[in-house]
C-alpha atoms as a PDB file:
ATOM      1  CA  MET A   1       0.000   0.000   0.000  1.00  0.00           C
ATOM      2  CA  GLY A   2       2.819   2.364   0.913  1.00  0.00           C
ATOM      3  CA  GLU A   3       4.550   1.696  -2.418  1.00  0.00           C
ATOM      4  CA  ARG A   4       1.351   2.572  -4.303  1.00  0.00           C
ATOM      5  CA  VAL A   5       0.976   5.819  -2.358  1.00  0.00           C
ATOM      6  CA  ALA A   6       4.579   6.721  -3.100  1.00  0.00           C
ATOM      7  CA  LYS A   7       4.182   5.924  -6.785  1.00  0.00           C
ATOM      8  CA  ASP A   8       0.976   7.974  -7.009  1.00  0.00           C
ATOM      9  CA  ALA A   9       2.756  10.876  -5.336  1.00  0.00           C
ATOM     10  CA  LEU A  10       5.610  10.656  -7.832  1.00  0.00           C
ATOM     11  CA  PHE A  11       3.282  10.587 -10.815  1.00  0.00           C
ATOM     12  CA  ALA A  12       1.315  13.488  -9.346  1.00  0.00           C
ATOM     13  CA  GLU A  13       4.526  15.538  -9.508  1.00  0.00           C
ATOM     14  CA  PHE A  14       4.931  14.662 -13.181  1.00  0.00           C
ATOM     15  CA  ALA A  15       1.265  15.491 -13.780  1.00  0.00           C
ATOM     16  CA  ALA A  16       1.689  18.925 -12.191  1.00  0.00           C
ATOM     17  CA  VAL A  17       4.138  19.838 -14.944  1.00  0.00           C
ATOM     18  CA  GLY A  18       1.832  18.428 -17.620  1.00  0.00           C
ATOM     19  CA  LYS A  19      -1.125  20.329 -16.193  1.00  0.00           C
ATOM     20  CA  ALA A  20       0.816  23.592 -16.240  1.00  0.00           C
ATOM     21  CA  LEU A  21       1.575  23.012 -19.913  1.00  0.00           C
ATOM     22  CA  GLY A  22      -2.101  22.366 -20.724  1.00  0.00           C
ATOM     23  CA  SER A  23      -2.883  25.895 -21.873  1.00  0.00           C
ATOM     24  CA  PRO A  24      -2.062  27.480 -25.248  1.00  0.00           C
ATOM     25  CA  LYS A  25      -1.390  30.831 -23.584  1.00  0.00           C
ATOM     26  CA  ARG A  26       0.965  29.346 -21.005  1.00  0.00           C
ATOM     27  CA  LEU A  27       2.847  27.621 -23.804  1.00  0.00           C
ATOM     28  CA  GLU A  28       3.081  30.956 -25.606  1.00  0.00           C
ATOM     29  CA  LEU A  29       4.517  32.523 -22.457  1.00  0.00           C
ATOM     30  CA  ILE A  30       7.115  29.750 -22.254  1.00  0.00           C
ATOM     31  CA  ASP A  31       7.923  30.333 -25.925  1.00  0.00           C
ATOM     32  CA  LEU A  32       8.491  34.027 -25.221  1.00  0.00           C
ATOM     33  CA  LEU A  33      10.651  33.259 -22.190  1.00  0.00           C
ATOM     34  CA  THR A  34      12.937  31.018 -24.251  1.00  0.00           C
ATOM     35  CA  GLN A  35      14.193  34.293 -25.723  1.00  0.00           C
ATOM     36  CA  GLY A  36      15.281  35.649 -22.340  1.00  0.00           C
ATOM     37  CA  PRO A  37      13.900  37.260 -19.173  1.00  0.00           C
ATOM     38  CA  ARG A  38      10.822  39.446 -19.579  1.00  0.00           C
ATOM     39  CA  SER A  39       8.748  41.678 -17.349  1.00  0.00           C
ATOM     40  CA  VAL A  40       5.120  40.840 -16.704  1.00  0.00           C
ATOM     41  CA  ASP A  41       4.031  43.908 -18.674  1.00  0.00           C
ATOM     42  CA  ASP A  42       6.155  42.902 -21.672  1.00  0.00           C
ATOM     43  CA  LEU A  43       4.850  39.338 -21.592  1.00  0.00           C
ATOM     44  CA  ALA A  44       1.232  40.475 -21.286  1.00  0.00           C
ATOM     45  CA  SER A  45       1.624  42.781 -24.283  1.00  0.00           C
ATOM     46  CA  ALA A  46       3.407  40.193 -26.424  1.00  0.00           C
ATOM     47  CA  ALA A  47       0.855  37.472 -25.624  1.00  0.00           C
ATOM     48  CA  GLU A  48      -2.097  39.865 -25.934  1.00  0.00           C
ATOM     49  CA  LEU A  49      -3.236  39.229 -22.382  1.00  0.00           C
ATOM     50  CA  GLY A  50      -4.390  41.444 -19.580  1.00  0.00           C
ATOM     51  CA  VAL A  51      -1.699  41.912 -16.944  1.00  0.00           C
ATOM     52  CA  SER A  52      -3.727  40.148 -14.238  1.00  0.00           C
ATOM     53  CA  THR A  53      -4.483  37.184 -16.518  1.00  0.00           C
ATOM     54  CA  CYS A  54      -0.856  36.986 -17.579  1.00  0.00           C
ATOM     55  CA  SER A  55       0.258  37.067 -13.942  1.00  0.00           C
ATOM     56  CA  ALA A  56      -2.110  34.207 -13.102  1.00  0.00           C
ATOM     57  CA  HIS A  57      -0.706  32.065 -15.932  1.00  0.00           C
ATOM     58  CA  LEU A  58       2.845  32.847 -14.828  1.00  0.00           C
ATOM     59  CA  GLN A  59       2.017  31.918 -11.266  1.00  0.00           C
ATOM     60  CA  THR A  60       0.782  28.512 -12.468  1.00  0.00           C
ATOM     61  CA  LEU A  61       4.046  28.010 -14.353  1.00  0.00           C
ATOM     62  CA  ARG A  62       6.001  29.091 -11.299  1.00  0.00           C
ATOM     63  CA  GLU A  63       4.168  26.668  -9.021  1.00  0.00           C
ATOM     64  CA  ALA A  64       5.046  23.889 -11.478  1.00  0.00           C
ATOM     65  CA  GLY A  65       8.722  24.841 -11.243  1.00  0.00           C
ATOM     66  CA  LEU A  66       9.011  25.979 -14.866  1.00  0.00           C
ATOM     67  CA  VAL A  67       9.673  29.690 -14.335  1.00  0.00           C
ATOM     68  CA  GLU A  68      11.245  31.849 -11.658  1.00  0.00           C
ATOM     69  CA  THR A  69      11.190  35.552 -10.803  1.00  0.00           C
ATOM     70  CA  ARG A  70      13.464  38.391  -9.835  1.00  0.00           C
ATOM     71  CA  ARG A  71      12.489  41.893  -8.787  1.00  0.00           C
ATOM     72  CA  ASP A  72      14.080  45.067 -10.123  1.00  0.00           C
ATOM     73  CA  GLY A  73      12.550  47.960  -8.236  1.00  0.00           C
ATOM     74  CA  ARG A  74       8.824  47.762  -8.801  1.00  0.00           C
ATOM     75  CA  ARG A  75       9.061  45.486 -11.826  1.00  0.00           C
ATOM     76  CA  VAL A  76       9.002  41.700 -11.664  1.00  0.00           C
ATOM     77  CA  TYR A  77      10.910  39.760 -14.302  1.00  0.00           C
ATOM     78  CA  TYR A  78      10.265  36.134 -15.221  1.00  0.00           C
ATOM     79  CA  SER A  79      12.668  33.637 -16.734  1.00  0.00           C
ATOM     80  CA  LEU A  80      12.750  29.898 -17.353  1.00  0.00           C
ATOM     81  CA  THR A  81      14.221  27.862 -14.525  1.00  0.00           C
ATOM     82  CA  GLY A  82      16.604  26.133 -16.902  1.00  0.00           C
ATOM     83  CA  VAL A  83      17.419  25.391 -20.514  1.00  0.00           C
ATOM     84  CA  ASP A  84      15.798  21.986 -19.955  1.00  0.00           C
ATOM     85  CA  VAL A  85      12.425  23.773 -19.841  1.00  0.00           C
ATOM     86  CA  ALA A  86      13.148  25.179 -23.294  1.00  0.00           C
ATOM     87  CA  GLY A  87      14.096  21.659 -24.354  1.00  0.00           C
ATOM     88  CA  LEU A  88      10.811  20.310 -23.009  1.00  0.00           C
ATOM     89  CA  TRP A  89       8.902  22.903 -25.025  1.00  0.00           C
ATOM     90  CA  ASP A  90      10.888  22.091 -28.146  1.00  0.00           C
ATOM     91  CA  HIS A  91      10.311  18.349 -27.694  1.00  0.00           C
ATOM     92  CA  LEU A  92       6.588  18.858 -27.130  1.00  0.00           C
ATOM     93  CA  ARG A  93       6.388  20.683 -30.466  1.00  0.00           C
ATOM     94  CA  ARG A  94       8.293  17.927 -32.232  1.00  0.00           C
ATOM     95  CA  VAL A  95       5.962  15.267 -30.826  1.00  0.00           C
ATOM     96  CA  ALA A  96       2.909  17.252 -31.930  1.00  0.00           C
ATOM     97  CA  GLN A  97       4.423  17.732 -35.390  1.00  0.00           C
ATOM     98  CA  GLN A  98       5.153  14.018 -35.679  1.00  0.00           C
ATOM     99  CA  HIS A  99       1.953  12.553 -34.275  1.00  0.00           C
ATOM    100  CA  ARG A 100      -0.854  15.103 -34.668  1.00  0.00           C
ATOM    101  CA  PRO A 101      -1.752  15.502 -38.359  1.00  0.00           C
ATOM    102  CA  HIS A 102      -3.435  18.876 -37.906  1.00  0.00           C
ATOM    103  CA  THR A 103      -0.231  20.393 -36.510  1.00  0.00           C
ATOM    104  CA  GLU A 104       1.321  20.629 -39.969  1.00  0.00           C
ATOM    105  CA  LEU A 105      -1.769  22.317 -41.391  1.00  0.00           C
ATOM    106  CA  ALA A 106      -1.763  24.813 -38.529  1.00  0.00           C
ATOM    107  CA  ARG A 107       1.973  25.432 -39.039  1.00  0.00           C
ATOM    108  CA  ARG A 108       1.537  26.146 -42.742  1.00  0.00           C
ATOM    109  CA  THR A 109      -1.423  28.413 -42.114  1.00  0.00           C
ATOM    110  CA  TYR A 110       0.563  30.411 -39.564  1.00  0.00           C
ATOM    111  CA  LEU A 111       3.918  30.608 -41.361  1.00  0.00           C
ATOM    112  CA  GLY A 112       2.477  31.066 -44.833  1.00  0.00           C
ATOM    113  CA  PRO A 113       3.540  29.572 -48.169  1.00  0.00           C
ATOM    114  CA  GLU A 114       6.901  27.851 -48.630  1.00  0.00           C
ATOM    115  CA  ASP A 115       8.295  30.852 -50.502  1.00  0.00           C
ATOM    116  CA  THR A 116      11.372  31.613 -48.370  1.00  0.00           C
ATOM    117  CA  ASP A 117      14.670  29.741 -48.525  1.00  0.00           C
ATOM    118  CA  PRO A 118      16.175  28.449 -45.257  1.00  0.00           C
ATOM    119  CA  VAL A 119      19.789  28.629 -44.116  1.00  0.00           C
ATOM    120  CA  ASP A 120      20.850  25.951 -41.636  1.00  0.00           C
ATOM    121  CA  THR A 121      22.597  26.936 -38.426  1.00  0.00           C
ATOM    122  CA  ALA A 122      26.040  25.657 -39.414  1.00  0.00           C
ATOM    123  CA  GLU A 123      26.011  27.728 -42.602  1.00  0.00           C
ATOM    124  CA  LEU A 124      24.663  30.753 -40.759  1.00  0.00           C
ATOM    125  CA  LEU A 125      27.474  30.660 -38.195  1.00  0.00           C
ATOM    126  CA  ARG A 126      30.109  30.223 -40.917  1.00  0.00           C
ATOM    127  CA  ARG A 127      28.776  33.202 -42.828  1.00  0.00           C
ATOM    128  CA  LEU A 128      28.553  35.307 -39.701  1.00  0.00           C
ATOM    129  CA  GLU A 129      32.206  34.543 -38.955  1.00  0.00           C
ATOM    130  CA  ARG A 130      33.297  35.304 -42.538  1.00  0.00           C
ATOM    131  CA  GLY A 131      31.219  38.477 -42.677  1.00  0.00           C
ATOM    132  CA  ASP A 132      29.914  37.754 -46.188  1.00  0.00           C
ATOM    133  CA  ALA A 133      26.267  38.063 -45.159  1.00  0.00           C
ATOM    134  CA  VAL A 134      24.276  40.464 -43.029  1.00  0.00           C
ATOM    135  CA  VAL A 135      22.688  38.520 -40.164  1.00  0.00           C
ATOM    136  CA  LEU A 136      19.501  40.337 -39.236  1.00  0.00           C
ATOM    137  CA  ASP A 137      17.596  39.875 -35.981  1.00  0.00           C
ATOM    138  CA  VAL A 138      13.957  40.884 -36.567  1.00  0.00           C
ATOM    139  CA  ARG A 139      12.548  40.167 -33.108  1.00  0.00           C
ATOM    140  CA  PRO A 140      11.115  42.889 -30.851  1.00  0.00           C
ATOM    141  CA  GLU A 141      13.565  44.928 -28.777  1.00  0.00           C
ATOM    142  CA  PRO A 142      13.001  43.086 -25.441  1.00  0.00           C
ATOM    143  CA  GLU A 143      13.842  39.769 -27.101  1.00  0.00           C
ATOM    144  CA  TYR A 144      16.967  41.106 -28.797  1.00  0.00           C
ATOM    145  CA  ALA A 145      18.092  42.525 -25.448  1.00  0.00           C
ATOM    146  CA  GLY A 146      17.413  39.131 -23.850  1.00  0.00           C
ATOM    147  CA  GLY A 147      19.997  37.417 -26.068  1.00  0.00           C
ATOM    148  CA  HIS A 148      21.167  37.581 -29.691  1.00  0.00           C
ATOM    149  CA  LEU A 149      23.846  36.282 -32.013  1.00  0.00           C
ATOM    150  CA  PRO A 150      27.129  38.206 -31.754  1.00  0.00           C
ATOM    151  CA  GLY A 151      27.423  40.644 -34.645  1.00  0.00           C
ATOM    152  CA  ALA A 152      23.769  40.500 -35.604  1.00  0.00           C
ATOM    153  CA  LEU A 153      22.132  43.673 -36.858  1.00  0.00           C
ATOM    154  CA  HIS A 154      18.844  44.415 -35.149  1.00  0.00           C
ATOM    155  CA  ILE A 155      15.813  45.848 -36.952  1.00  0.00           C
ATOM    156  CA  PRO A 156      12.444  44.759 -35.515  1.00  0.00           C
ATOM    157  CA  LEU A 157      10.063  43.488 -38.170  1.00  0.00           C
ATOM    158  CA  GLU A 158       7.599  46.289 -37.436  1.00  0.00           C
ATOM    159  CA  GLN A 159      10.286  48.843 -38.432  1.00  0.00           C
ATOM    160  CA  LEU A 160      11.768  46.972 -41.368  1.00  0.00           C
ATOM    161  CA  SER A 161       9.718  48.497 -44.178  1.00  0.00           C
ATOM    162  CA  GLN A 162      10.819  51.992 -43.107  1.00  0.00           C
ATOM    163  CA  ARG A 163      14.478  50.987 -42.686  1.00  0.00           C
ATOM    164  CA  VAL A 164      15.145  48.878 -45.779  1.00  0.00           C
ATOM    165  CA  ALA A 165      17.529  51.549 -47.073  1.00  0.00           C
ATOM    166  CA  GLU A 166      19.875  50.820 -44.143  1.00  0.00           C
ATOM    167  CA  LEU A 167      20.608  47.356 -45.535  1.00  0.00           C
ATOM    168  CA  PRO A 168      23.313  46.722 -48.172  1.00  0.00           C
ATOM    169  CA  ARG A 169      22.354  45.438 -51.593  1.00  0.00           C
ATOM    170  CA  ASP A 170      25.708  43.800 -52.321  1.00  0.00           C
ATOM    171  CA  ARG A 171      25.442  41.092 -49.660  1.00  0.00           C
ATOM    172  CA  GLU A 172      22.846  38.483 -48.857  1.00  0.00           C
ATOM    173  CA  ILE A 173      20.756  39.080 -45.763  1.00  0.00           C
ATOM    174  CA  VAL A 174      19.910  36.194 -43.453  1.00  0.00           C
ATOM    175  CA  ALA A 175      17.023  37.008 -41.113  1.00  0.00           C
ATOM    176  CA  TYR A 176      16.407  35.120 -37.888  1.00  0.00           C
ATOM    177  CA  CYS A 177      13.849  35.223 -35.097  1.00  0.00           C
ATOM    178  CA  ARG A 178      12.655  33.033 -32.204  1.00  0.00           C
ATOM    179  CA  GLY A 179      12.879  29.600 -33.786  1.00  0.00           C
ATOM    180  CA  ARG A 180      11.546  27.237 -36.390  1.00  0.00           C
ATOM    181  CA  TYR A 181       7.911  28.024 -35.581  1.00  0.00           C
ATOM    182  CA  CYS A 182       8.322  31.817 -35.635  1.00  0.00           C
ATOM    183  CA  VAL A 183       6.770  33.777 -38.491  1.00  0.00           C
ATOM    184  CA  LEU A 184       8.847  36.948 -38.129  1.00  0.00           C
ATOM    185  CA  ALA A 185      11.820  35.830 -40.245  1.00  0.00           C
ATOM    186  CA  HIS A 186       9.495  34.500 -42.963  1.00  0.00           C
ATOM    187  CA  ASP A 187       7.720  37.851 -43.196  1.00  0.00           C
ATOM    188  CA  ALA A 188      11.019  39.747 -43.111  1.00  0.00           C
ATOM    189  CA  VAL A 189      12.438  37.773 -46.048  1.00  0.00           C
ATOM    190  CA  ARG A 190       9.248  38.295 -48.053  1.00  0.00           C
ATOM    191  CA  LEU A 191       9.458  42.027 -47.442  1.00  0.00           C
ATOM    192  CA  LEU A 192      13.163  42.229 -48.293  1.00  0.00           C
ATOM    193  CA  ASN A 193      12.807  40.183 -51.476  1.00  0.00           C
ATOM    194  CA  ALA A 194       9.878  42.365 -52.552  1.00  0.00           C
ATOM    195  CA  ASN A 195      12.174  45.365 -52.171  1.00  0.00           C
ATOM    196  CA  GLY A 196      14.819  43.870 -54.419  1.00  0.00           C
ATOM    197  CA  LEU A 197      17.230  42.598 -51.760  1.00  0.00           C
ATOM    198  CA  THR A 198      18.648  39.083 -51.646  1.00  0.00           C
ATOM    199  CA  ALA A 199      17.464  37.495 -48.427  1.00  0.00           C
ATOM    200  CA  ARG A 200      16.989  34.095 -46.832  1.00  0.00           C
ATOM    201  CA  ARG A 201      15.850  33.047 -43.368  1.00  0.00           C
ATOM    202  CA  ALA A 202      17.561  31.047 -40.665  1.00  0.00           C
ATOM    203  CA  ALA A 203      16.015  27.593 -40.396  1.00  0.00           C
ATOM    204  CA  GLU A 204      16.343  27.804 -36.611  1.00  0.00           C
ATOM    205  CA  GLY A 205      16.406  30.596 -34.062  1.00  0.00           C
ATOM    206  CA  VAL A 206      17.316  31.593 -30.546  1.00  0.00           C
ATOM    207  CA  LEU A 207      15.305  28.781 -28.941  1.00  0.00           C
ATOM    208  CA  GLU A 208      17.171  26.029 -30.798  1.00  0.00           C
ATOM    209  CA  TRP A 209      20.534  27.790 -30.384  1.00  0.00           C
ATOM    210  CA  ARG A 210      20.140  28.028 -26.619  1.00  0.00           C
ATOM    211  CA  ILE A 211      19.277  24.322 -26.419  1.00  0.00           C
ATOM    212  CA  ALA A 212      22.294  23.450 -28.579  1.00  0.00           C
ATOM    213  CA  GLY A 213      24.600  25.597 -26.440  1.00  0.00           C
ATOM    214  CA  ILE A 214      25.430  28.051 -29.224  1.00  0.00           C
ATOM    215  CA  PRO A 215      26.670  31.248 -27.534  1.00  0.00           C
ATOM    216  CA  VAL A 216      24.439  34.288 -27.661  1.00  0.00           C
ATOM    217  CA  VAL A 217      25.091  37.754 -26.248  1.00  0.00           C
ATOM    218  CA  GLU A 218      23.305  37.732 -22.895  1.00  0.00           C
ATOM    219  CA  PRO A 219      21.775  40.708 -21.033  1.00  0.00           C
ATOM    220  CA  GLY A 220      24.428  42.884 -19.426  1.00  0.00           C
ATOM    221  CA  ALA A 221      27.230  41.576 -21.653  1.00  0.00           C
ATOM    222  CA  ALA A 222      29.593  44.139 -23.094  1.00  0.00           C
END
């Protein structure tokens, strides 16, 4: 009897993590936090949630041990408790992609037509080191500040149409964003190609690079 109670208690701990993940909005918050620490206000705005609703979701994630907090004056910042949480999120997506047929349809609907050419991470890093391509980070400012590739130029997607003239026309541009399920780099490449620039998108993004241990410039780094 005691062994059964102990086993049930163990599985209840596993279930607490699964339960915390059982909300599309909480998964979106985890996705945002894979990019780096964020304030509650920033997360609420990015996820299109009210601040109180966002705080409640974050509290659920905190109780499950998936996120942690730090206070800076009056602002509270959230971050993932470890890169393994990002890995869990990435693996969950892969399982859904592999075993739930409607996932691919939803992915295509969100990311749009297959009209942008990908650049794998190994090639991207080689080209960044050689300097023969402009590596462009098109994420919002808080995400760029939370961690980015060394040497990457930053122009948020929402500003890109007004700042196209800042980009060279004699080098290819490789745009990157959050990860393989992020639409920002796709939209950036479409915009750049429409304006006569040569552009491709990174096949992966900050989420996958953090999991793989690829160095990014962290907050507070020189």
